[in-house]
Protein backbone atom coordinates (compact mmCIF):
# COMPACT_ATOMS: atom_id res chain seq x y z
CA UNK A 1 47.19 97.23 8.49
CA UNK A 2 46.50 94.19 6.26
CA UNK A 3 42.78 93.46 6.16
CA UNK A 4 42.01 89.65 4.69
CA UNK A 5 39.35 87.19 4.70
CA UNK A 6 40.12 83.92 5.77
CA UNK A 7 38.68 81.02 6.79
CA UNK A 8 38.01 80.97 11.11
CA UNK A 9 37.71 76.99 12.13
CA UNK A 10 37.56 78.30 16.40
CA UNK A 11 36.60 76.38 19.01
CA UNK A 12 34.75 78.05 22.17
CA UNK A 13 35.45 76.54 25.10
CA UNK A 14 37.28 77.03 29.03
CA UNK A 15 40.91 75.11 30.33
CA UNK A 16 41.51 74.77 33.82
CA UNK A 17 42.30 78.14 35.01
CA UNK A 18 45.64 79.40 37.26
CA UNK A 19 44.31 79.38 40.77
CA UNK A 20 46.10 82.69 42.35
CA UNK A 21 48.22 82.49 44.93
CA UNK A 22 47.56 84.21 48.24
CA UNK A 23 49.35 85.10 51.77
CA UNK A 24 50.90 82.04 52.58
CA UNK A 25 54.04 79.94 52.71
CA UNK A 26 54.89 78.31 49.35
CA UNK A 27 57.22 74.84 49.39
CA UNK A 28 60.37 76.43 46.99
CA UNK A 29 60.15 73.00 45.50
CA UNK A 30 58.07 72.49 42.33
CA UNK A 31 56.31 69.86 39.91
CA UNK A 32 55.70 69.03 36.56
CA UNK A 33 52.94 67.65 35.47
CA UNK A 34 53.88 65.85 32.51
CA UNK A 35 50.10 63.86 32.14
CA UNK A 36 48.50 67.30 32.20
CA UNK A 37 51.03 69.21 29.61
CA UNK A 38 50.22 65.98 27.34
CA UNK A 39 46.85 66.25 27.55
CA UNK A 40 46.79 70.03 26.79
CA UNK A 41 48.96 69.81 23.82
CA UNK A 42 46.84 66.52 22.58
CA UNK A 43 43.52 67.85 23.15
CA UNK A 44 43.96 71.36 22.73
CA UNK A 45 41.90 74.40 22.92
CA UNK A 46 42.04 77.22 20.12
CA UNK A 47 40.36 80.59 21.25
CA UNK A 48 39.09 83.01 19.19
CA UNK A 49 36.58 85.75 18.58
CA UNK A 50 33.99 84.58 16.15
CA UNK A 51 34.74 86.85 13.37
CA UNK A 52 35.39 86.53 9.73
CA UNK A 53 37.41 89.90 8.89
CA UNK A 54 40.42 89.61 11.12
CA UNK A 55 42.24 92.86 10.93
CA UNK A 56 46.45 91.66 10.77
CA UNK A 57 48.75 94.04 12.36
CA UNK A 58 52.16 93.19 13.06
CA UNK A 59 53.68 94.30 16.61
CA UNK A 60 56.13 96.38 17.21
CA UNK A 61 58.02 93.22 19.09
CA UNK A 62 57.60 91.26 15.68
CA UNK A 63 61.24 91.21 13.92
CA UNK A 64 60.21 92.01 10.63
CA UNK A 65 64.30 92.39 9.55
CA UNK A 66 65.11 88.84 10.10
CA UNK A 67 61.44 87.44 8.73
CA UNK A 68 63.66 85.97 6.21
CA UNK A 69 64.15 82.60 4.67
CA UNK A 70 67.83 80.65 5.31
CA UNK A 71 68.75 79.24 2.73
CA UNK A 72 72.02 77.96 4.10
CA UNK A 73 73.21 76.65 0.48
CA UNK A 74 70.25 74.87 -0.82
CA UNK A 75 69.48 75.47 -3.73
CA UNK A 76 65.68 76.37 -4.92
CA UNK A 77 65.64 77.08 -8.52
CA UNK A 78 63.61 73.91 -9.70
CA UNK A 79 61.31 75.46 -7.00
CA UNK A 80 61.34 78.82 -8.20
CA UNK A 81 61.23 77.34 -11.84
CA UNK A 82 58.08 75.31 -11.39
CA UNK A 83 56.64 78.90 -9.34
CA UNK A 84 57.29 80.37 -12.51
CA UNK A 85 55.18 77.90 -14.68
CA UNK A 86 51.80 77.62 -12.36
CA UNK A 87 49.58 79.04 -15.49
CA UNK A 88 50.47 75.48 -16.77
CA UNK A 89 51.28 73.19 -13.82
CA UNK A 90 50.18 73.52 -10.00
CA UNK A 91 53.09 73.19 -7.71
CA UNK A 92 52.21 71.22 -4.35
CA UNK A 93 53.69 72.30 -1.17
CA UNK A 94 53.51 69.50 1.89
CA UNK A 95 53.77 70.94 5.59
CA UNK A 96 53.86 68.25 7.90
CA UNK A 97 53.16 69.27 11.46
CA UNK A 98 51.59 69.12 15.08
CA UNK A 99 48.79 70.88 16.87
CA UNK A 100 50.01 74.43 15.32
CA UNK A 101 48.83 73.10 12.37
CA UNK A 102 46.35 70.36 12.57
CA UNK A 103 43.31 72.91 12.93
CA UNK A 104 44.87 74.47 9.37
CA UNK A 105 44.47 78.00 10.80
CA UNK A 106 48.30 79.64 9.48
CA UNK A 107 48.49 77.09 7.40
CA UNK A 108 45.33 78.26 5.60
CA UNK A 109 46.09 81.54 5.95
CA UNK A 110 49.92 81.10 4.03
CA UNK A 111 46.90 78.65 1.23
CA UNK A 112 44.84 81.77 0.68
CA UNK A 113 47.82 84.66 -0.12
CA UNK A 114 49.60 82.00 -2.41
CA UNK A 115 46.71 80.66 -4.03
CA UNK A 116 45.24 84.66 -4.73
CA UNK A 117 49.14 85.26 -6.54
CA UNK A 118 49.64 81.66 -8.34
CA UNK A 119 46.17 80.42 -8.52
CA UNK A 120 43.87 78.10 -6.64
CA UNK A 121 44.73 74.50 -8.09
CA UNK A 122 42.13 72.61 -5.40
CA UNK A 123 42.04 72.32 -1.67
CA UNK A 124 44.57 69.36 -1.60
CA UNK A 125 44.97 67.10 1.32
CA UNK A 126 42.21 65.97 3.40
CA UNK A 127 42.28 63.94 6.30
CA UNK A 128 39.28 62.20 8.29
CA UNK A 129 40.33 63.59 11.48
CA UNK A 130 36.97 64.24 13.04
CA UNK A 131 36.22 60.22 12.14
CA UNK A 132 39.17 59.60 13.93
CA UNK A 133 38.27 61.41 16.99
CA UNK A 134 39.70 64.38 16.97
CA UNK A 135 39.53 68.28 15.39
CA UNK A 136 39.22 68.96 11.86
CA UNK A 137 39.61 72.13 10.06
CA UNK A 138 36.23 74.07 8.94
CA UNK A 139 36.74 74.09 5.87
CA UNK A 140 36.36 70.72 4.00
CA UNK A 141 34.15 67.57 5.68
CA UNK A 142 34.65 63.89 5.89
CA UNK A 143 31.62 61.64 6.76
CA UNK A 144 30.01 58.47 6.17
CA UNK A 145 26.68 57.26 7.99
CA UNK A 146 28.16 53.64 8.39
CA UNK A 147 30.24 52.05 11.22
CA UNK A 148 34.18 52.94 10.85
CA UNK A 149 36.81 52.32 13.66
CA UNK A 150 40.25 54.70 13.40
CA UNK A 151 43.56 55.20 14.99
CA UNK A 152 45.46 58.20 15.67
CA UNK A 153 49.26 59.15 15.21
CA UNK A 154 49.51 59.26 18.76
CA UNK A 155 47.72 56.32 19.82
CA UNK A 156 50.09 54.46 21.92
CA UNK A 157 49.32 51.10 20.18
CA UNK A 158 48.31 51.22 16.72
CA UNK A 159 46.21 48.30 15.37
CA UNK A 160 45.90 48.70 12.21
CA UNK A 161 48.64 50.89 9.21
CA UNK A 162 49.31 54.09 10.05
CA UNK A 163 48.98 56.61 6.94
CA UNK A 164 51.30 59.35 6.70
CA UNK A 165 48.74 61.74 7.77
CA UNK A 166 48.96 60.12 10.84
CA UNK A 167 45.00 59.04 10.90
CA UNK A 168 43.67 55.92 9.74
CA UNK A 169 40.10 54.76 9.19
CA UNK A 170 38.26 51.17 8.52
CA UNK A 171 35.03 50.33 7.37
CA UNK A 172 33.13 47.97 9.62
CA UNK A 173 30.92 46.60 6.72
CA UNK A 174 32.23 45.32 3.50
CA UNK A 175 29.57 47.85 1.31
CA UNK A 176 30.35 51.42 3.00
CA UNK A 177 30.38 54.90 1.51
CA UNK A 178 32.43 58.65 2.07
CA UNK A 179 31.03 61.78 1.86
CA UNK A 180 33.36 64.66 1.25
CA UNK A 181 33.19 68.14 0.92
CA UNK A 182 34.28 71.62 1.05
CA UNK A 183 33.24 74.77 2.05
CA UNK A 184 30.61 76.50 -0.24
CA UNK A 185 30.64 80.22 1.76
CA UNK A 186 34.55 82.24 1.67
CA UNK A 187 36.89 80.59 -0.82
CA UNK A 188 34.60 77.88 -3.03
CA UNK A 189 36.98 75.07 -4.01
CA UNK A 190 35.10 72.83 -5.95
CA UNK A 191 37.17 69.80 -7.54
CA UNK A 192 36.49 67.48 -10.30
CA UNK A 193 39.72 65.01 -9.16
CA UNK A 194 39.65 62.79 -6.11
CA UNK A 195 42.15 60.25 -5.02
CA UNK A 196 41.67 58.34 -2.03
CA UNK A 197 44.94 57.31 0.12
CA UNK A 198 44.75 53.70 1.10
CA UNK A 199 45.92 50.04 2.28
CA UNK A 200 44.21 47.19 1.17
CA UNK A 201 41.23 46.94 -1.82
CA UNK A 202 38.90 49.23 -2.58
CA UNK A 203 36.40 48.83 -5.10
CA UNK A 204 34.49 52.00 -6.09
CA UNK A 205 30.85 51.38 -6.94
CA UNK A 206 29.42 54.61 -7.25
CA UNK A 207 29.47 58.58 -6.95
CA UNK A 208 26.54 60.70 -6.17
CA UNK A 209 26.88 64.91 -6.20
CA UNK A 210 25.29 66.99 -3.30
CA UNK A 211 21.50 66.46 -5.13
CA UNK A 212 22.47 62.73 -4.92
CA UNK A 213 22.52 62.61 -8.59
CA UNK A 214 24.67 59.90 -9.52
CA UNK A 215 28.02 61.13 -11.51
CA UNK A 216 29.55 59.46 -14.26
CA UNK A 217 33.74 58.43 -13.05
CA UNK A 218 36.40 56.92 -13.74
CA UNK A 219 38.24 55.23 -10.72
CA UNK A 220 42.05 54.06 -11.75
CA UNK A 221 43.01 51.91 -8.77
CA UNK A 222 47.04 52.03 -7.95
CA UNK A 223 49.12 50.25 -5.24
CA UNK A 224 48.52 52.79 -2.35
CA UNK A 225 45.55 54.73 -3.19
CA UNK A 226 42.43 54.93 -5.90
CA UNK A 227 42.94 57.89 -8.10
CA UNK A 228 38.86 58.74 -9.10
CA UNK A 229 37.76 61.19 -12.07
CA UNK A 230 34.21 62.61 -11.95
CA UNK A 231 32.84 64.16 -15.03
CA UNK A 232 31.77 67.59 -13.24
CA UNK A 233 33.14 70.16 -10.12
CA UNK A 234 31.23 69.67 -7.42
CA UNK A 235 32.16 70.63 -3.44
CA UNK A 236 30.24 67.73 -2.27
CA UNK A 237 30.26 63.59 -3.58
CA UNK A 238 29.06 60.08 -1.72
CA UNK A 239 31.94 57.52 -2.89
CA UNK A 240 29.99 54.38 -2.79
CA UNK A 241 32.97 51.30 -2.67
CA UNK A 242 32.96 47.67 -1.32
CA UNK A 243 36.23 46.13 0.25
CA UNK A 244 37.40 42.89 1.41
CA UNK A 245 37.94 43.35 5.45
CA UNK A 246 41.58 44.83 4.86
CA UNK A 247 40.65 48.10 3.80
CA UNK A 248 42.33 51.39 5.71
CA UNK A 249 42.04 55.10 4.40
CA UNK A 250 44.50 58.12 5.74
CA UNK A 251 43.00 60.76 3.12
CA UNK A 252 42.03 62.06 0.13
CA UNK A 253 43.23 64.14 -2.04
CA UNK A 254 40.90 66.97 -3.93
CA UNK A 255 41.69 68.62 -7.17
CA UNK A 256 40.01 70.72 -9.58
CA UNK A 257 42.49 69.60 -12.58
CA UNK A 258 43.56 73.60 -12.79
CA UNK A 259 46.65 75.03 -12.62
CA UNK A 260 47.79 77.12 -9.63
CA UNK A 261 48.99 76.01 -5.97
CA UNK A 262 48.05 73.00 -3.77
CA UNK A 263 49.51 73.68 -0.40
CA UNK A 264 48.61 70.06 1.39
CA UNK A 265 48.79 70.19 5.49
CA UNK A 266 49.99 67.33 7.78
CA UNK A 267 48.93 68.02 11.00
CA UNK A 268 48.48 66.40 14.10
CA UNK A 269 47.77 67.41 18.02
CA UNK A 270 51.06 66.12 19.92
CA UNK A 271 53.43 64.98 17.46
CA UNK A 272 57.29 65.19 17.31
CA UNK A 273 59.71 64.36 14.51
CA UNK A 274 59.77 60.80 16.05
CA UNK A 275 56.28 60.06 15.73
CA UNK A 276 56.07 60.79 12.43
CA UNK A 277 59.30 58.31 11.90
CA UNK A 278 57.05 55.64 13.69
CA UNK A 279 55.15 55.71 10.53
CA UNK A 280 58.05 54.49 8.37
CA UNK A 281 57.08 55.71 5.08
CA UNK A 282 56.33 59.25 5.40
CA UNK A 283 58.27 59.90 2.14
CA UNK A 284 56.56 57.32 0.57
CA UNK A 285 53.36 58.47 1.46
CA UNK A 286 53.61 62.04 0.12
CA UNK A 287 55.01 60.87 -3.04
CA UNK A 288 52.01 60.60 -4.91
CA UNK A 289 51.44 64.66 -4.04
CA UNK A 290 54.20 65.45 -6.53
CA UNK A 291 56.10 67.60 -3.38
CA UNK A 292 57.68 70.67 -5.14
CA UNK A 293 58.20 71.86 -1.35
CA UNK A 294 57.69 69.82 2.23
CA UNK A 295 57.68 72.18 5.16
CA UNK A 296 58.38 70.75 8.69
CA UNK A 297 57.26 72.46 11.73
CA UNK A 298 57.90 70.65 14.91
CA UNK A 299 60.14 70.62 17.46
CA UNK A 300 57.37 72.57 20.01
CA UNK A 301 56.25 68.84 21.75
CA UNK A 302 60.00 67.58 22.38
CA UNK A 303 60.41 70.78 24.65
CA UNK A 304 58.47 69.07 27.19
CA UNK A 305 60.46 66.61 28.18
CA UNK A 306 64.38 65.75 28.59
CA UNK A 307 65.93 67.40 25.47
CA UNK A 308 69.20 66.05 24.10
CA UNK A 309 70.51 67.85 20.98
CA UNK A 310 72.23 64.76 19.48
CA UNK A 311 69.28 62.98 19.52
CA UNK A 312 66.79 65.30 18.47
CA UNK A 313 69.12 65.86 15.32
CA UNK A 314 69.39 61.98 14.99
CA UNK A 315 65.68 61.86 15.17
CA UNK A 316 65.50 65.10 12.18
CA UNK A 317 67.75 63.42 10.36
CA UNK A 318 65.55 60.18 9.87
CA UNK A 319 62.56 62.22 8.71
CA UNK A 320 64.13 64.50 6.47
CA UNK A 321 66.18 61.44 4.78
CA UNK A 322 62.94 59.49 4.90
CA UNK A 323 61.23 62.38 2.63
CA UNK A 324 63.94 62.68 0.28
CA UNK A 325 64.67 59.37 -0.63
CA UNK A 326 61.38 59.34 -1.97
CA UNK A 327 61.05 62.97 -3.36
CA UNK A 328 64.66 63.97 -4.50
CA UNK A 329 63.52 66.91 -6.41
CA UNK A 330 61.52 68.37 -3.40
CA UNK A 331 62.87 71.35 -1.55
CA UNK A 332 63.12 71.17 1.91
CA UNK A 333 61.98 74.08 4.75
CA UNK A 334 62.72 73.56 8.52
CA UNK A 335 60.56 75.81 10.88
CA UNK A 336 61.64 76.43 14.36
CA UNK A 337 58.74 76.57 17.09
CA UNK A 338 58.63 80.12 18.88
CA UNK A 339 58.31 80.71 22.39
CA UNK A 340 55.42 79.40 24.50
CA UNK A 341 54.89 78.33 28.43
CA UNK A 342 54.57 75.31 30.80
CA UNK A 343 52.32 74.64 33.70
CA UNK A 344 54.63 75.00 37.08
CA UNK A 345 52.83 73.31 40.17
CA UNK A 346 53.95 74.58 43.54
CA UNK A 347 52.56 72.98 46.95
CA UNK A 348 51.26 75.93 48.91
CA UNK A 349 51.11 75.47 52.80
CA UNK A 350 48.47 77.69 54.91
CA UNK A 351 48.42 77.78 59.05
CA UNK A 352 44.81 77.95 60.05
CA UNK A 353 43.68 77.44 63.67
CA UNK A 354 41.38 74.72 64.13
CA UNK A 355 38.15 74.42 65.66
CA UNK A 356 36.86 73.07 68.93
CA UNK A 357 36.96 72.78 72.69
CA UNK A 358 39.81 73.48 74.97
CA UNK A 359 43.30 73.75 74.07
CA UNK A 360 44.18 76.10 70.96
CA UNK A 361 44.91 74.04 68.30
CA UNK A 362 46.65 74.81 64.22
CA UNK A 363 47.07 72.56 61.82
CA UNK A 364 48.56 73.06 58.04
CA UNK A 365 46.67 72.44 54.94
CA UNK A 366 47.91 71.94 51.18
CA UNK A 367 46.89 72.48 47.80
CA UNK A 368 48.55 72.35 44.61
CA UNK A 369 48.59 75.45 42.44
CA UNK A 370 49.26 75.83 38.95
CA UNK A 371 51.53 79.03 37.08
CA UNK A 372 53.47 79.37 34.50
CA UNK A 373 56.63 79.50 33.32
CA UNK A 374 59.02 80.26 29.95
CA UNK A 375 60.14 76.79 28.29
CA UNK A 376 63.39 76.55 28.28
CA UNK A 377 64.10 73.76 26.38
CA UNK A 378 62.44 76.07 22.88
CA UNK A 379 65.74 77.81 22.42
CA UNK A 380 67.97 74.66 22.43
CA UNK A 381 65.68 72.90 20.07
CA UNK A 382 65.04 76.07 17.94
CA UNK A 383 69.55 75.82 17.77
CA UNK A 384 69.28 72.61 16.92
CA UNK A 385 67.55 72.81 13.90
CA UNK A 386 69.14 75.60 12.70
CA UNK A 387 72.98 74.47 13.01
CA UNK A 388 71.00 71.10 11.44
CA UNK A 389 70.09 73.07 8.39
CA UNK A 390 73.57 74.73 8.25
CA UNK A 391 75.14 71.31 8.77
CA UNK A 392 73.24 70.02 5.63
CA UNK A 393 72.55 73.02 3.38
CA UNK A 394 68.81 72.65 4.14
CA UNK A 395 66.69 75.78 4.13
CA UNK A 396 65.21 77.17 7.48
CA UNK A 397 62.72 79.76 8.79
CA UNK A 398 63.24 80.89 12.11
CA UNK A 399 59.93 81.51 13.42
CA UNK A 400 61.21 81.37 17.10
CA UNK A 401 63.65 85.27 16.09
CA UNK A 402 61.10 86.26 14.41
CA UNK A 403 58.14 85.83 16.58
CA UNK A 404 60.37 88.11 18.66
CA UNK A 405 62.85 85.75 20.21
CA UNK A 406 63.71 85.57 24.09
CA UNK A 407 60.31 86.24 25.98
CA UNK A 408 58.17 86.57 23.17
CA UNK A 409 55.51 84.41 24.80
CA UNK A 410 54.77 87.46 27.16
CA UNK A 411 54.34 89.91 24.48
CA UNK A 412 51.66 87.12 22.76
CA UNK A 413 50.27 86.69 25.69
CA UNK A 414 49.85 90.29 26.78
CA UNK A 415 48.29 90.80 23.24
CA UNK A 416 45.98 88.09 23.10
CA UNK A 417 47.67 86.01 20.79
CA UNK A 418 48.49 82.74 22.98
CA UNK A 419 45.97 81.00 24.62
CA UNK A 420 45.18 80.43 27.74
CA UNK A 421 47.44 77.56 27.69
CA UNK A 422 50.00 79.27 26.65
CA UNK A 423 51.34 76.96 24.16
CA UNK A 424 49.06 77.54 21.30
CA UNK A 425 48.36 80.83 19.85
CA UNK A 426 44.66 81.90 19.43
CA UNK A 427 42.64 82.32 16.12
CA UNK A 428 44.17 86.07 15.48
CA UNK A 429 47.92 84.58 16.66
CA UNK A 430 47.71 82.07 14.08
CA UNK A 431 46.56 84.32 11.04
CA UNK A 432 49.82 87.07 12.26
CA UNK A 433 51.99 83.64 11.83
CA UNK A 434 50.21 82.74 8.66
CA UNK A 435 50.93 86.26 7.30
CA UNK A 436 54.14 86.78 8.46
CA UNK A 437 55.26 83.24 6.88
CA UNK A 438 53.84 83.90 3.26
CA UNK A 439 55.73 87.16 3.42
CA UNK A 440 58.81 84.91 3.98
CA UNK A 441 57.80 82.50 1.90
CA UNK A 442 57.07 84.88 -1.18
CA UNK A 443 60.29 86.87 -0.56
CA UNK A 444 62.38 83.09 -0.68
CA UNK A 445 60.03 82.46 -4.16
CA UNK A 446 60.94 85.53 -6.07
CA UNK A 447 65.02 86.02 -4.72
CA UNK A 448 66.87 86.01 -7.63
């Protein structure tokens, strides 16, 4: 039994529940509702219990003997050497994924564990997710009293440059401001250095702390970002600036100017390898974060359409190539998706007596009902990731196998580790995933 206090992000809401079948004839053909499934994956509801203290027990069906990073001949010596010097220089880990990452529950747990071991260099990368109209992790906030427009990764047509974080916001007025804060509760993450990633011109005119007092600052502009050093540690700032009508903000890096580990998370609901490839410059985008390790957790959303292993591997190759081109010294880790389930809709017919005088009549009424079945595309996607890693000497974390392999989703559902949509975990499930992945990473970091 492992107990750890974690930052918890949770939403209390209800999804449409499956309708129970009743005694009637059922059409053997079933339909898959693509629009409904896409909505679930792009607008997830993460279910939790509202508790701050979570007891993480590892169920019997978890394959702890398989909970290891498969290196496939990859050389992680540079990463291991960097980890030995976290008391001098921070190590940067960048984790890229889909809705399993956007709420930052599993990744937040990994961050907590690793920073406990190696030191807390700061909160790291945060994205203006709430300002772009979607869910945001609970341990930070980005807001503004001014008007902004936004674009998201999964929006079909972008009317502005899409940032490497998968979201972009633009101020409506030339004089605007952003309020950035980190949680002051469980894990205190003060910062004294702020890097705003953006496209277009941004002229910093003032910085205030949480009390509204002006803070002396030094703003240094660069091609893709503006770096701001302030003279005090704080957990809340108001950044005032001017722009020339061409500004688009993608994200903000918060640093404490101290050694340790940064665990940066980039997560977007509904994301795939192809949607990140649409951005086109992921490698250039994360380059200012100086990544020592880039983790990619994708594949779940690809399982909800037609799957072609060769096409999928080409998409993987394009994203990984783009990242390594600009970050040649970064180690790469691929993560396989675990088994999940998908909705199946059936047409159910029932013969009933029609009311009325005269001859007895019968009529047939039909309705669509939802049930669930194992998503059979997950296994070939997992196998494609495994073979790609082996062929290209890239490390893989086989979360599919660790989580229980085939039929794991039923066990996770029974234990309350999967939510009612049977795609996303509950908070308890994500905390278990984070704990297990931390163990595998720590073992790989310490391996001789």
